[in-house]
Amino acid sequence: MDEQTVRLRPVRVEDLDCLSLLAGQVFLDTYATEGIRPSFVRELQGQLSVPALRARLARPGAACLVAERDGHLLGFAQLNLHAGHALLGDAGPAAELERLYVQRPWLGRGLGRQLLLAAEAAAREAGAGRLWLTAWVHNLRARAFYARQGYAELGRTWYEFEDERHENRLFAKGLGHAPARPDPVVAAPPPHIEPCADPADLRWLALRRDLWPGPEEEHRADMAEMVAEPARYAQFLALDGPGGAALGLAEVALRRDYVNGTEGSPVGFLEGLYVRPEARRRGIAGALVRAASSWVGAQGCSEIASDTALENVASQALHRALGFEETERVVYFRRRLAAS
């Protein structure tokens, strides 16, 4: 993809067909993870059809900003510039971010943040002192995103349609003074992914020690063992272009014992995935997982699995964004035995 700037602008009437389709696509990607049921169809028709969007955007205080690149809509932010909520208390004028939708290929590339900053600026200009929103309790990626942008989680709310009731969380942020103008969103060049099979590779060692701090000799022993069994282990580095700086690492293995939530054996297992903090939100994790998945598929496997800690919400959100589905949650126990 060549580097071109994404443009943010107010929605136009001629955008509504594309806006409706984009909104439905993101809605289903987020909420219909177990398939489509009739209530979803009716909710989409009632809330995200062209007539529904046209009516909603015609209300007093309604605003909508779209992100466009080469005539294609990539995302949008929809606001009610004059809306309070009981959980906010009596804290002066507020605005609601009703929707912040970004197409899946643009997740993790800074577009959501730019739309959010533009929405905050619009709310501030309209006289709002706070911007608030609600996020589905199971949308861990969204909850982690808003927390990173300075939004505080204030309490529980509910989204209801037909006979369904879904728990949400309300987030809010004081708008304060206007921030510096955001940088334009630029499509970053894709990383260069290459396999790594040299146990003396210092780039691999450095990334491993960033991910798992520990003695160098232990890492070197692990690396030597992995390289010695190329039918069982594979390692991939993400570089900033061929011969460039090392930005990330994926280690994958074949497991023949039972892997929680999987159906066959052997199964590919993502043993480690790491991207340097300064290189994140550029699609590097996705590129590494694709390389690992290709290797696993070449070994005759039909599944690749992974795990993360229960409290690591950001990692859980990343896994979902990369196409993993949660299978189960496990709590491990141990019991010490008295010495004989």
C-alpha atoms as a PDB file:
ATOM      1  CA  MET A   1       0.000   0.000   0.000  1.00  0.00           C
ATOM      2  CA  ASP A   2       1.389   3.391  -0.942  1.00  0.00           C
ATOM      3  CA  GLU A   3       1.544   6.095   1.713  1.00  0.00           C
ATOM      4  CA  GLN A   4      -1.472   8.354   1.381  1.00  0.00           C
ATOM      5  CA  THR A   5      -3.123  10.495   4.015  1.00  0.00           C
ATOM      6  CA  VAL A   6      -6.541   9.581   5.326  1.00  0.00           C
ATOM      7  CA  ARG A   7      -8.885  12.579   5.310  1.00  0.00           C
ATOM      8  CA  LEU A   8     -11.411  13.256   8.077  1.00  0.00           C
ATOM      9  CA  ARG A   9     -14.466  15.276   7.070  1.00  0.00           C
ATOM     10  CA  PRO A  10     -18.144  15.762   7.961  1.00  0.00           C
ATOM     11  CA  VAL A  11     -20.540  13.180   6.541  1.00  0.00           C
ATOM     12  CA  ARG A  12     -22.443  14.021   3.354  1.00  0.00           C
ATOM     13  CA  VAL A  13     -25.810  12.754   2.155  1.00  0.00           C
ATOM     14  CA  GLU A  14     -24.148  10.835  -0.659  1.00  0.00           C
ATOM     15  CA  ASP A  15     -22.117   8.904   1.962  1.00  0.00           C
ATOM     16  CA  LEU A  16     -25.150   7.248   3.535  1.00  0.00           C
ATOM     17  CA  ASP A  17     -25.184   4.077   1.407  1.00  0.00           C
ATOM     18  CA  CYS A  18     -21.521   3.390   2.160  1.00  0.00           C
ATOM     19  CA  LEU A  19     -21.939   4.481   5.782  1.00  0.00           C
ATOM     20  CA  SER A  20     -24.808   2.032   6.304  1.00  0.00           C
ATOM     21  CA  LEU A  21     -22.854  -0.867   4.818  1.00  0.00           C
ATOM     22  CA  LEU A  22     -19.713  -0.028   6.799  1.00  0.00           C
ATOM     23  CA  ALA A  23     -21.709   0.295  10.026  1.00  0.00           C
ATOM     24  CA  GLY A  24     -23.408  -3.055   9.462  1.00  0.00           C
ATOM     25  CA  GLN A  25     -20.108  -4.734   8.681  1.00  0.00           C
ATOM     26  CA  VAL A  26     -18.428  -3.486  11.873  1.00  0.00           C
ATOM     27  CA  PHE A  27     -21.539  -4.226  13.960  1.00  0.00           C
ATOM     28  CA  LEU A  28     -21.590  -7.851  12.825  1.00  0.00           C
ATOM     29  CA  ASP A  29     -17.811  -8.258  13.183  1.00  0.00           C
ATOM     30  CA  THR A  30     -18.110  -7.088  16.780  1.00  0.00           C
ATOM     31  CA  TYR A  31     -21.360  -8.587  18.039  1.00  0.00           C
ATOM     32  CA  ALA A  32     -22.319 -11.491  15.773  1.00  0.00           C
ATOM     33  CA  THR A  33     -19.345 -13.665  16.681  1.00  0.00           C
ATOM     34  CA  GLU A  34     -21.591 -16.739  16.982  1.00  0.00           C
ATOM     35  CA  GLY A  35     -23.490 -16.147  13.734  1.00  0.00           C
ATOM     36  CA  ILE A  36     -26.486 -14.145  12.527  1.00  0.00           C
ATOM     37  CA  ARG A  37     -29.864 -14.377  14.207  1.00  0.00           C
ATOM     38  CA  PRO A  38     -33.134 -12.619  13.260  1.00  0.00           C
ATOM     39  CA  SER A  39     -32.937 -10.057  16.066  1.00  0.00           C
ATOM     40  CA  PHE A  40     -29.599  -8.840  14.668  1.00  0.00           C
ATOM     41  CA  VAL A  41     -31.149  -8.374  11.232  1.00  0.00           C
ATOM     42  CA  ARG A  42     -34.009  -6.348  12.666  1.00  0.00           C
ATOM     43  CA  GLU A  43     -31.638  -4.260  14.805  1.00  0.00           C
ATOM     44  CA  LEU A  44     -29.489  -3.471  11.773  1.00  0.00           C
ATOM     45  CA  GLN A  45     -32.530  -2.510   9.723  1.00  0.00           C
ATOM     46  CA  GLY A  46     -33.889  -0.365  12.538  1.00  0.00           C
ATOM     47  CA  GLN A  47     -30.666   1.419  13.511  1.00  0.00           C
ATOM     48  CA  LEU A  48     -28.164   1.250  10.661  1.00  0.00           C
ATOM     49  CA  SER A  49     -30.193   1.266   7.454  1.00  0.00           C
ATOM     50  CA  VAL A  50     -29.944   4.325   5.205  1.00  0.00           C
ATOM     51  CA  PRO A  51     -33.350   5.712   6.313  1.00  0.00           C
ATOM     52  CA  ALA A  52     -32.478   5.152   9.988  1.00  0.00           C
ATOM     53  CA  LEU A  53     -29.114   6.898   9.667  1.00  0.00           C
ATOM     54  CA  ARG A  54     -30.634   9.754   7.686  1.00  0.00           C
ATOM     55  CA  ALA A  55     -33.252  10.317  10.395  1.00  0.00           C
ATOM     56  CA  ARG A  56     -30.723  10.072  13.211  1.00  0.00           C
ATOM     57  CA  LEU A  57     -28.305  12.517  11.617  1.00  0.00           C
ATOM     58  CA  ALA A  58     -31.143  14.994  11.058  1.00  0.00           C
ATOM     59  CA  ARG A  59     -31.740  15.381  14.814  1.00  0.00           C
ATOM     60  CA  PRO A  60     -30.668  18.588  16.586  1.00  0.00           C
ATOM     61  CA  GLY A  61     -27.149  18.153  17.962  1.00  0.00           C
ATOM     62  CA  ALA A  62     -26.273  15.236  15.688  1.00  0.00           C
ATOM     63  CA  ALA A  63     -22.831  15.158  14.092  1.00  0.00           C
ATOM     64  CA  CYS A  64     -20.865  12.581  12.142  1.00  0.00           C
ATOM     65  CA  LEU A  65     -17.274  12.565  10.917  1.00  0.00           C
ATOM     66  CA  VAL A  66     -16.031  10.055   8.356  1.00  0.00           C
ATOM     67  CA  ALA A  67     -12.534   8.847   7.492  1.00  0.00           C
ATOM     68  CA  GLU A  68     -11.959   8.634   3.758  1.00  0.00           C
ATOM     69  CA  ARG A  69      -9.080   7.452   1.602  1.00  0.00           C
ATOM     70  CA  ASP A  70      -9.193   7.435  -2.195  1.00  0.00           C
ATOM     71  CA  GLY A  71     -12.990   7.706  -2.155  1.00  0.00           C
ATOM     72  CA  HIS A  72     -13.367   4.767   0.255  1.00  0.00           C
ATOM     73  CA  LEU A  73     -14.891   5.134   3.723  1.00  0.00           C
ATOM     74  CA  LEU A  74     -12.769   3.465   6.397  1.00  0.00           C
ATOM     75  CA  GLY A  75     -14.554   4.502   9.592  1.00  0.00           C
ATOM     76  CA  PHE A  76     -16.740   7.093  11.244  1.00  0.00           C
ATOM     77  CA  ALA A  77     -17.563   8.784  14.550  1.00  0.00           C
ATOM     78  CA  GLN A  78     -21.198   9.620  15.298  1.00  0.00           C
ATOM     79  CA  LEU A  79     -22.092  12.050  18.092  1.00  0.00           C
ATOM     80  CA  ASN A  80     -24.959  13.636  19.957  1.00  0.00           C
ATOM     81  CA  LEU A  81     -23.432  16.973  20.943  1.00  0.00           C
ATOM     82  CA  HIS A  82     -25.994  17.679  23.671  1.00  0.00           C
ATOM     83  CA  ALA A  83     -26.538  14.524  25.726  1.00  0.00           C
ATOM     84  CA  GLY A  84     -26.068  13.798  29.413  1.00  0.00           C
ATOM     85  CA  HIS A  85     -26.292  10.607  31.461  1.00  0.00           C
ATOM     86  CA  ALA A  86     -27.251   9.827  35.044  1.00  0.00           C
ATOM     87  CA  LEU A  87     -23.827   8.333  35.769  1.00  0.00           C
ATOM     88  CA  LEU A  88     -22.197  11.657  34.901  1.00  0.00           C
ATOM     89  CA  GLY A  89     -24.057  13.504  37.640  1.00  0.00           C
ATOM     90  CA  ASP A  90     -24.623  17.234  37.391  1.00  0.00           C
ATOM     91  CA  ALA A  91     -21.298  18.158  35.837  1.00  0.00           C
ATOM     92  CA  GLY A  92     -22.383  20.573  33.134  1.00  0.00           C
ATOM     93  CA  PRO A  93     -22.854  20.105  29.391  1.00  0.00           C
ATOM     94  CA  ALA A  94     -21.796  16.789  27.918  1.00  0.00           C
ATOM     95  CA  ALA A  95     -21.784  15.053  24.536  1.00  0.00           C
ATOM     96  CA  GLU A  96     -22.200  11.383  23.669  1.00  0.00           C
ATOM     97  CA  LEU A  97     -20.043   9.433  21.248  1.00  0.00           C
ATOM     98  CA  GLU A  98     -22.775   7.177  19.922  1.00  0.00           C
ATOM     99  CA  ARG A  99     -20.576   5.145  17.579  1.00  0.00           C
ATOM    100  CA  LEU A 100     -16.902   4.906  16.692  1.00  0.00           C
ATOM    101  CA  TYR A 101     -16.614   2.312  13.953  1.00  0.00           C
ATOM    102  CA  VAL A 102     -13.435   1.423  12.031  1.00  0.00           C
ATOM    103  CA  GLN A 103     -13.124  -1.271   9.376  1.00  0.00           C
ATOM    104  CA  ARG A 104     -11.169  -4.306  10.542  1.00  0.00           C
ATOM    105  CA  PRO A 105      -8.168  -3.817   8.155  1.00  0.00           C
ATOM    106  CA  TRP A 106      -7.596  -0.378   9.702  1.00  0.00           C
ATOM    107  CA  LEU A 107      -7.683  -1.456  13.325  1.00  0.00           C
ATOM    108  CA  GLY A 108      -4.438  -0.851  15.175  1.00  0.00           C
ATOM    109  CA  ARG A 109      -3.201   1.769  12.714  1.00  0.00           C
ATOM    110  CA  GLY A 110      -4.154   4.934  14.583  1.00  0.00           C
ATOM    111  CA  LEU A 111      -7.359   5.691  12.693  1.00  0.00           C
ATOM    112  CA  GLY A 112      -9.661   5.136  15.671  1.00  0.00           C
ATOM    113  CA  ARG A 113      -7.581   7.528  17.756  1.00  0.00           C
ATOM    114  CA  GLN A 114      -7.715  10.220  15.069  1.00  0.00           C
ATOM    115  CA  LEU A 115     -11.489   9.900  14.786  1.00  0.00           C
ATOM    116  CA  LEU A 116     -11.782  10.062  18.560  1.00  0.00           C
ATOM    117  CA  LEU A 117      -9.653  13.210  18.741  1.00  0.00           C
ATOM    118  CA  ALA A 118     -11.784  14.795  16.022  1.00  0.00           C
ATOM    119  CA  ALA A 119     -14.952  13.832  17.917  1.00  0.00           C
ATOM    120  CA  GLU A 120     -13.552  15.358  21.107  1.00  0.00           C
ATOM    121  CA  ALA A 121     -12.752  18.574  19.231  1.00  0.00           C
ATOM    122  CA  ALA A 122     -16.287  18.729  17.810  1.00  0.00           C
ATOM    123  CA  ALA A 123     -17.822  18.167  21.257  1.00  0.00           C
ATOM    124  CA  ARG A 124     -15.561  20.796  22.814  1.00  0.00           C
ATOM    125  CA  GLU A 125     -16.468  23.318  20.118  1.00  0.00           C
ATOM    126  CA  ALA A 126     -20.165  22.661  20.807  1.00  0.00           C
ATOM    127  CA  GLY A 127     -19.624  23.611  24.469  1.00  0.00           C
ATOM    128  CA  ALA A 128     -19.433  20.143  26.036  1.00  0.00           C
ATOM    129  CA  GLY A 129     -17.170  19.727  29.023  1.00  0.00           C
ATOM    130  CA  ARG A 130     -17.156  15.925  28.853  1.00  0.00           C
ATOM    131  CA  LEU A 131     -17.499  13.260  26.186  1.00  0.00           C
ATOM    132  CA  TRP A 132     -19.011   9.944  27.173  1.00  0.00           C
ATOM    133  CA  LEU A 133     -19.795   6.630  25.499  1.00  0.00           C
ATOM    134  CA  THR A 134     -20.866   3.095  26.285  1.00  0.00           C
ATOM    135  CA  ALA A 135     -18.979  -0.062  25.303  1.00  0.00           C
ATOM    136  CA  TRP A 136     -20.207  -3.661  25.382  1.00  0.00           C
ATOM    137  CA  VAL A 137     -18.727  -5.383  28.418  1.00  0.00           C
ATOM    138  CA  HIS A 138     -17.311  -8.216  26.262  1.00  0.00           C
ATOM    139  CA  ASN A 139     -15.677  -5.856  23.745  1.00  0.00           C
ATOM    140  CA  LEU A 140     -12.356  -5.940  25.567  1.00  0.00           C
ATOM    141  CA  ARG A 141     -10.487  -4.344  22.683  1.00  0.00           C
ATOM    142  CA  ALA A 142     -12.735  -1.255  22.810  1.00  0.00           C
ATOM    143  CA  ARG A 143     -12.554  -1.011  26.596  1.00  0.00           C
ATOM    144  CA  ALA A 144      -8.761  -1.177  26.535  1.00  0.00           C
ATOM    145  CA  PHE A 145      -8.633   1.400  23.727  1.00  0.00           C
ATOM    146  CA  TYR A 146     -10.741   3.980  25.579  1.00  0.00           C
ATOM    147  CA  ALA A 147      -8.783   3.456  28.772  1.00  0.00           C
ATOM    148  CA  ARG A 148      -5.559   4.199  26.868  1.00  0.00           C
ATOM    149  CA  GLN A 149      -7.109   7.406  25.536  1.00  0.00           C
ATOM    150  CA  GLY A 150      -7.786   8.715  29.041  1.00  0.00           C
ATOM    151  CA  TYR A 151     -11.421   7.667  29.483  1.00  0.00           C
ATOM    152  CA  ALA A 152     -12.544   6.579  32.942  1.00  0.00           C
ATOM    153  CA  GLU A 153     -14.966   3.689  33.414  1.00  0.00           C
ATOM    154  CA  LEU A 154     -17.823   5.063  35.539  1.00  0.00           C
ATOM    155  CA  GLY A 155     -20.284   2.202  35.822  1.00  0.00           C
ATOM    156  CA  ARG A 156     -22.660  -0.280  34.253  1.00  0.00           C
ATOM    157  CA  THR A 157     -25.419   0.448  31.747  1.00  0.00           C
ATOM    158  CA  TRP A 158     -27.587  -1.745  29.538  1.00  0.00           C
ATOM    159  CA  TYR A 159     -28.310  -1.849  25.825  1.00  0.00           C
ATOM    160  CA  GLU A 160     -31.712  -3.311  25.096  1.00  0.00           C
ATOM    161  CA  PHE A 161     -33.415  -4.372  21.894  1.00  0.00           C
ATOM    162  CA  GLU A 162     -36.409  -6.658  21.521  1.00  0.00           C
ATOM    163  CA  ASP A 163     -36.182  -9.154  24.396  1.00  0.00           C
ATOM    164  CA  GLU A 164     -32.380  -8.946  24.691  1.00  0.00           C
ATOM    165  CA  ARG A 165     -30.471  -7.032  27.347  1.00  0.00           C
ATOM    166  CA  HIS A 166     -26.705  -6.561  27.013  1.00  0.00           C
ATOM    167  CA  GLU A 167     -24.396  -5.199  29.691  1.00  0.00           C
ATOM    168  CA  ASN A 168     -22.333  -2.147  28.737  1.00  0.00           C
ATOM    169  CA  ARG A 169     -19.826   0.031  30.563  1.00  0.00           C
ATOM    170  CA  LEU A 170     -19.950   3.827  30.504  1.00  0.00           C
ATOM    171  CA  PHE A 171     -16.707   5.713  29.868  1.00  0.00           C
ATOM    172  CA  ALA A 172     -16.205   9.471  30.138  1.00  0.00           C
ATOM    173  CA  LYS A 173     -13.415  11.998  29.707  1.00  0.00           C
ATOM    174  CA  GLY A 174     -13.115  15.667  30.573  1.00  0.00           C
ATOM    175  CA  LEU A 175     -12.340  17.640  27.437  1.00  0.00           C
ATOM    176  CA  GLY A 176     -10.333  20.502  28.932  1.00  0.00           C
ATOM    177  CA  HIS A 177      -8.387  22.683  26.524  1.00  0.00           C
ATOM    178  CA  ALA A 178      -7.905  21.919  22.840  1.00  0.00           C
ATOM    179  CA  PRO A 179      -4.985  19.515  22.188  1.00  0.00           C
ATOM    180  CA  ALA A 180      -2.417  19.982  19.479  1.00  0.00           C
ATOM    181  CA  ARG A 181      -3.639  19.251  15.979  1.00  0.00           C
ATOM    182  CA  PRO A 182      -3.340  15.474  15.405  1.00  0.00           C
ATOM    183  CA  ASP A 183      -0.873  14.164  12.917  1.00  0.00           C
ATOM    184  CA  PRO A 184      -2.367  12.805   9.682  1.00  0.00           C
ATOM    185  CA  VAL A 185      -2.968   9.082   9.494  1.00  0.00           C
ATOM    186  CA  VAL A 186      -0.458   7.506   7.137  1.00  0.00           C
ATOM    187  CA  ALA A 187      -0.472   3.960   5.856  1.00  0.00           C
ATOM    188  CA  ALA A 188       2.801   2.581   7.223  1.00  0.00           C
ATOM    189  CA  PRO A 189       4.838   0.295   4.971  1.00  0.00           C
ATOM    190  CA  PRO A 190       4.348  -3.388   5.811  1.00  0.00           C
ATOM    191  CA  PRO A 191       7.035  -5.099   7.896  1.00  0.00           C
ATOM    192  CA  HIS A 192       9.470  -7.568   6.380  1.00  0.00           C
ATOM    193  CA  ILE A 193       8.916 -11.012   7.927  1.00  0.00           C
ATOM    194  CA  GLU A 194      11.682 -13.581   7.799  1.00  0.00           C
ATOM    195  CA  PRO A 195      12.268 -16.940   9.533  1.00  0.00           C
ATOM    196  CA  CYS A 196      15.006 -17.104  12.130  1.00  0.00           C
ATOM    197  CA  ALA A 197      17.011 -20.315  12.534  1.00  0.00           C
ATOM    198  CA  ASP A 198      20.295 -19.088  13.997  1.00  0.00           C
ATOM    199  CA  PRO A 199      20.627 -19.613  17.771  1.00  0.00           C
ATOM    200  CA  ALA A 200      23.361 -16.943  17.810  1.00  0.00           C
ATOM    201  CA  ASP A 201      21.073 -14.275  16.279  1.00  0.00           C
ATOM    202  CA  LEU A 202      21.366 -11.321  18.664  1.00  0.00           C
ATOM    203  CA  ARG A 203      18.155  -9.747  17.338  1.00  0.00           C
ATOM    204  CA  TRP A 204      16.183 -12.821  18.345  1.00  0.00           C
ATOM    205  CA  LEU A 205      17.880 -12.897  21.737  1.00  0.00           C
ATOM    206  CA  ALA A 206      17.139  -9.206  22.415  1.00  0.00           C
ATOM    207  CA  LEU A 207      13.452  -9.558  21.556  1.00  0.00           C
ATOM    208  CA  ARG A 208      13.157 -12.704  23.681  1.00  0.00           C
ATOM    209  CA  ARG A 209      14.670 -10.925  26.671  1.00  0.00           C
ATOM    210  CA  ASP A 210      12.262  -8.018  26.204  1.00  0.00           C
ATOM    211  CA  LEU A 211       9.336 -10.443  26.230  1.00  0.00           C
ATOM    212  CA  TRP A 212      10.584 -12.809  28.931  1.00  0.00           C
ATOM    213  CA  PRO A 213      13.196 -11.147  31.171  1.00  0.00           C
ATOM    214  CA  GLY A 214      15.669 -13.713  32.425  1.00  0.00           C
ATOM    215  CA  PRO A 215      19.259 -14.945  32.275  1.00  0.00           C
ATOM    216  CA  GLU A 216      20.849 -14.869  28.824  1.00  0.00           C
ATOM    217  CA  GLU A 217      22.154 -18.419  29.157  1.00  0.00           C
ATOM    218  CA  GLU A 218      18.634 -19.775  29.633  1.00  0.00           C
ATOM    219  CA  HIS A 219      17.428 -18.011  26.511  1.00  0.00           C
ATOM    220  CA  ARG A 220      20.368 -19.292  24.497  1.00  0.00           C
ATOM    221  CA  ALA A 221      19.674 -22.852  25.633  1.00  0.00           C
ATOM    222  CA  ASP A 222      16.012 -22.529  24.619  1.00  0.00           C
ATOM    223  CA  MET A 223      16.983 -21.053  21.253  1.00  0.00           C
ATOM    224  CA  ALA A 224      19.440 -23.856  20.548  1.00  0.00           C
ATOM    225  CA  GLU A 225      16.817 -26.480  21.416  1.00  0.00           C
ATOM    226  CA  MET A 226      14.260 -24.873  19.103  1.00  0.00           C
ATOM    227  CA  VAL A 227      16.646 -24.592  16.154  1.00  0.00           C
ATOM    228  CA  ALA A 228      17.643 -28.237  16.633  1.00  0.00           C
ATOM    229  CA  GLU A 229      14.021 -29.336  16.041  1.00  0.00           C
ATOM    230  CA  PRO A 230      12.826 -27.467  12.923  1.00  0.00           C
ATOM    231  CA  ALA A 231       9.882 -29.850  12.461  1.00  0.00           C
ATOM    232  CA  ARG A 232       8.568 -28.872  15.883  1.00  0.00           C
ATOM    233  CA  TYR A 233       9.467 -25.182  16.268  1.00  0.00           C
ATOM    234  CA  ALA A 234       9.561 -22.110  14.034  1.00  0.00           C
ATOM    235  CA  GLN A 235      10.554 -18.520  14.747  1.00  0.00           C
ATOM    236  CA  PHE A 236       9.846 -15.351  12.764  1.00  0.00           C
ATOM    237  CA  LEU A 237      11.276 -11.856  13.012  1.00  0.00           C
ATOM    238  CA  ALA A 238       9.546  -8.683  11.849  1.00  0.00           C
ATOM    239  CA  LEU A 239      12.046  -6.228  10.407  1.00  0.00           C
ATOM    240  CA  ASP A 240      11.750  -2.612   9.363  1.00  0.00           C
ATOM    241  CA  GLY A 241      12.433  -3.598   5.756  1.00  0.00           C
ATOM    242  CA  PRO A 242      14.956  -6.238   4.578  1.00  0.00           C
ATOM    243  CA  GLY A 243      18.037  -5.973   6.757  1.00  0.00           C
ATOM    244  CA  GLY A 244      16.333  -3.365   8.925  1.00  0.00           C
ATOM    245  CA  ALA A 245      15.894  -3.097  12.671  1.00  0.00           C
ATOM    246  CA  ALA A 246      14.118  -5.944  14.464  1.00  0.00           C
ATOM    247  CA  LEU A 247      10.609  -4.844  15.472  1.00  0.00           C
ATOM    248  CA  GLY A 248       8.882  -8.014  16.611  1.00  0.00           C
ATOM    249  CA  LEU A 249       9.023 -11.760  17.185  1.00  0.00           C
ATOM    250  CA  ALA A 250       6.730 -14.760  16.930  1.00  0.00           C
ATOM    251  CA  GLU A 251       7.593 -18.232  18.174  1.00  0.00           C
ATOM    252  CA  VAL A 252       5.330 -21.143  17.291  1.00  0.00           C
ATOM    253  CA  ALA A 253       5.430 -24.850  18.125  1.00  0.00           C
ATOM    254  CA  LEU A 254       3.566 -28.043  17.378  1.00  0.00           C
ATOM    255  CA  ARG A 255       1.927 -29.488  20.478  1.00  0.00           C
ATOM    256  CA  ARG A 256       0.838 -33.108  20.461  1.00  0.00           C
ATOM    257  CA  ASP A 257      -0.619 -33.135  23.969  1.00  0.00           C
ATOM    258  CA  TYR A 258      -4.139 -31.780  24.537  1.00  0.00           C
ATOM    259  CA  VAL A 259      -4.478 -28.036  23.947  1.00  0.00           C
ATOM    260  CA  ASN A 260      -7.482 -26.483  25.695  1.00  0.00           C
ATOM    261  CA  GLY A 261     -10.352 -25.719  23.354  1.00  0.00           C
ATOM    262  CA  THR A 262      -8.923 -27.409  20.255  1.00  0.00           C
ATOM    263  CA  GLU A 263     -10.210 -30.417  18.357  1.00  0.00           C
ATOM    264  CA  GLY A 264      -7.228 -32.215  16.857  1.00  0.00           C
ATOM    265  CA  SER A 265      -3.606 -33.166  17.300  1.00  0.00           C
ATOM    266  CA  PRO A 266      -1.048 -31.935  16.621  1.00  0.00           C
ATOM    267  CA  VAL A 267      -1.996 -28.286  17.047  1.00  0.00           C
ATOM    268  CA  GLY A 268       0.061 -25.200  16.334  1.00  0.00           C
ATOM    269  CA  PHE A 269       0.621 -23.104  19.431  1.00  0.00           C
ATOM    270  CA  LEU A 270       1.744 -19.481  19.487  1.00  0.00           C
ATOM    271  CA  GLU A 271       4.316 -19.707  22.262  1.00  0.00           C
ATOM    272  CA  GLY A 272       5.331 -16.061  22.087  1.00  0.00           C
ATOM    273  CA  LEU A 273       4.284 -12.885  20.254  1.00  0.00           C
ATOM    274  CA  TYR A 274       6.029  -9.570  20.862  1.00  0.00           C
ATOM    275  CA  VAL A 275       6.258  -6.183  19.149  1.00  0.00           C
ATOM    276  CA  ARG A 276       8.473  -3.407  20.464  1.00  0.00           C
ATOM    277  CA  PRO A 277       6.325  -0.640  22.018  1.00  0.00           C
ATOM    278  CA  GLU A 278       7.490   2.033  19.563  1.00  0.00           C
ATOM    279  CA  ALA A 279       6.512  -0.175  16.595  1.00  0.00           C
ATOM    280  CA  ARG A 280       2.997  -1.120  17.699  1.00  0.00           C
ATOM    281  CA  ARG A 281      -0.233  -0.239  15.887  1.00  0.00           C
ATOM    282  CA  ARG A 282       1.399  -0.859  12.494  1.00  0.00           C
ATOM    283  CA  GLY A 283      -0.018  -4.313  11.755  1.00  0.00           C
ATOM    284  CA  ILE A 284       3.192  -6.078  12.770  1.00  0.00           C
ATOM    285  CA  ALA A 285       1.533  -8.537  15.162  1.00  0.00           C
ATOM    286  CA  GLY A 286      -0.901  -9.526  12.421  1.00  0.00           C
ATOM    287  CA  ALA A 287       1.908 -10.098   9.923  1.00  0.00           C
ATOM    288  CA  LEU A 288       3.774 -12.275  12.417  1.00  0.00           C
ATOM    289  CA  VAL A 289       0.687 -14.339  13.195  1.00  0.00           C
ATOM    290  CA  ARG A 290       0.028 -14.849   9.488  1.00  0.00           C
ATOM    291  CA  ALA A 291       3.575 -16.142   9.022  1.00  0.00           C
ATOM    292  CA  ALA A 292       3.221 -18.460  12.021  1.00  0.00           C
ATOM    293  CA  SER A 293      -0.177 -19.673  10.792  1.00  0.00           C
ATOM    294  CA  SER A 294       1.225 -20.437   7.334  1.00  0.00           C
ATOM    295  CA  TRP A 295       3.977 -22.557   8.872  1.00  0.00           C
ATOM    296  CA  VAL A 296       1.474 -24.401  11.072  1.00  0.00           C
ATOM    297  CA  GLY A 297      -0.756 -25.089   8.069  1.00  0.00           C
ATOM    298  CA  ALA A 298       2.229 -26.424   6.122  1.00  0.00           C
ATOM    299  CA  GLN A 299       2.758 -28.961   8.911  1.00  0.00           C
ATOM    300  CA  GLY A 300      -0.709 -30.383   8.244  1.00  0.00           C
ATOM    301  CA  CYS A 301      -2.501 -28.701  11.155  1.00  0.00           C
ATOM    302  CA  SER A 302      -5.935 -27.121  10.921  1.00  0.00           C
ATOM    303  CA  GLU A 303      -5.752 -24.996  14.089  1.00  0.00           C
ATOM    304  CA  ILE A 304      -3.421 -22.564  15.794  1.00  0.00           C
ATOM    305  CA  ALA A 305      -3.972 -21.798  19.479  1.00  0.00           C
ATOM    306  CA  SER A 306      -2.610 -19.364  22.031  1.00  0.00           C
ATOM    307  CA  ASP A 307      -3.180 -18.245  25.601  1.00  0.00           C
ATOM    308  CA  THR A 308      -2.878 -15.195  27.815  1.00  0.00           C
ATOM    309  CA  ALA A 309      -3.501 -14.270  31.434  1.00  0.00           C
ATOM    310  CA  LEU A 310      -7.048 -13.631  32.656  1.00  0.00           C
ATOM    311  CA  GLU A 311      -6.131 -10.100  33.699  1.00  0.00           C
ATOM    312  CA  ASN A 312      -4.354  -9.199  30.444  1.00  0.00           C
ATOM    313  CA  VAL A 313      -7.292  -7.452  28.776  1.00  0.00           C
ATOM    314  CA  ALA A 314      -5.136  -5.809  26.104  1.00  0.00           C
ATOM    315  CA  SER A 315      -3.713  -9.161  24.986  1.00  0.00           C
ATOM    316  CA  GLN A 316      -7.187 -10.694  24.868  1.00  0.00           C
ATOM    317  CA  ALA A 317      -8.369  -7.814  22.675  1.00  0.00           C
ATOM    318  CA  LEU A 318      -5.360  -8.265  20.386  1.00  0.00           C
ATOM    319  CA  HIS A 319      -6.057 -11.990  19.985  1.00  0.00           C
ATOM    320  CA  ARG A 320      -9.654 -11.284  18.998  1.00  0.00           C
ATOM    321  CA  ALA A 321      -8.530  -8.644  16.521  1.00  0.00           C
ATOM    322  CA  LEU A 322      -6.145 -11.187  14.980  1.00  0.00           C
ATOM    323  CA  GLY A 323      -8.952 -13.680  14.408  1.00  0.00           C
ATOM    324  CA  PHE A 324      -8.619 -15.903  17.490  1.00  0.00           C
ATOM    325  CA  GLU A 325     -11.763 -16.932  19.325  1.00  0.00           C
ATOM    326  CA  GLU A 326     -11.919 -17.516  23.057  1.00  0.00           C
ATOM    327  CA  THR A 327     -12.542 -21.163  23.836  1.00  0.00           C
ATOM    328  CA  GLU A 328     -12.469 -21.483  27.624  1.00  0.00           C
ATOM    329  CA  ARG A 329     -11.066 -20.033  30.824  1.00  0.00           C
ATOM    330  CA  VAL A 330      -9.063 -22.123  33.258  1.00  0.00           C
ATOM    331  CA  VAL A 331      -7.854 -21.625  36.818  1.00  0.00           C
ATOM    332  CA  TYR A 332      -4.852 -23.786  37.734  1.00  0.00           C
ATOM    333  CA  PHE A 333      -4.371 -25.277  41.204  1.00  0.00           C
ATOM    334  CA  ARG A 334      -1.586 -27.055  43.000  1.00  0.00           C
ATOM    335  CA  ARG A 335      -1.200 -28.840  46.307  1.00  0.00           C
ATOM    336  CA  ARG A 336       2.140 -29.272  48.024  1.00  0.00           C
ATOM    337  CA  LEU A 337       2.889 -32.758  49.303  1.00  0.00           C
ATOM    338  CA  ALA A 338       4.604 -33.399  52.584  1.00  0.00           C
ATOM    339  CA  ALA A 339       8.138 -34.700  52.251  1.00  0.00           C
ATOM    340  CA  SER A 340       8.314 -38.476  52.765  1.00  0.00           C
END
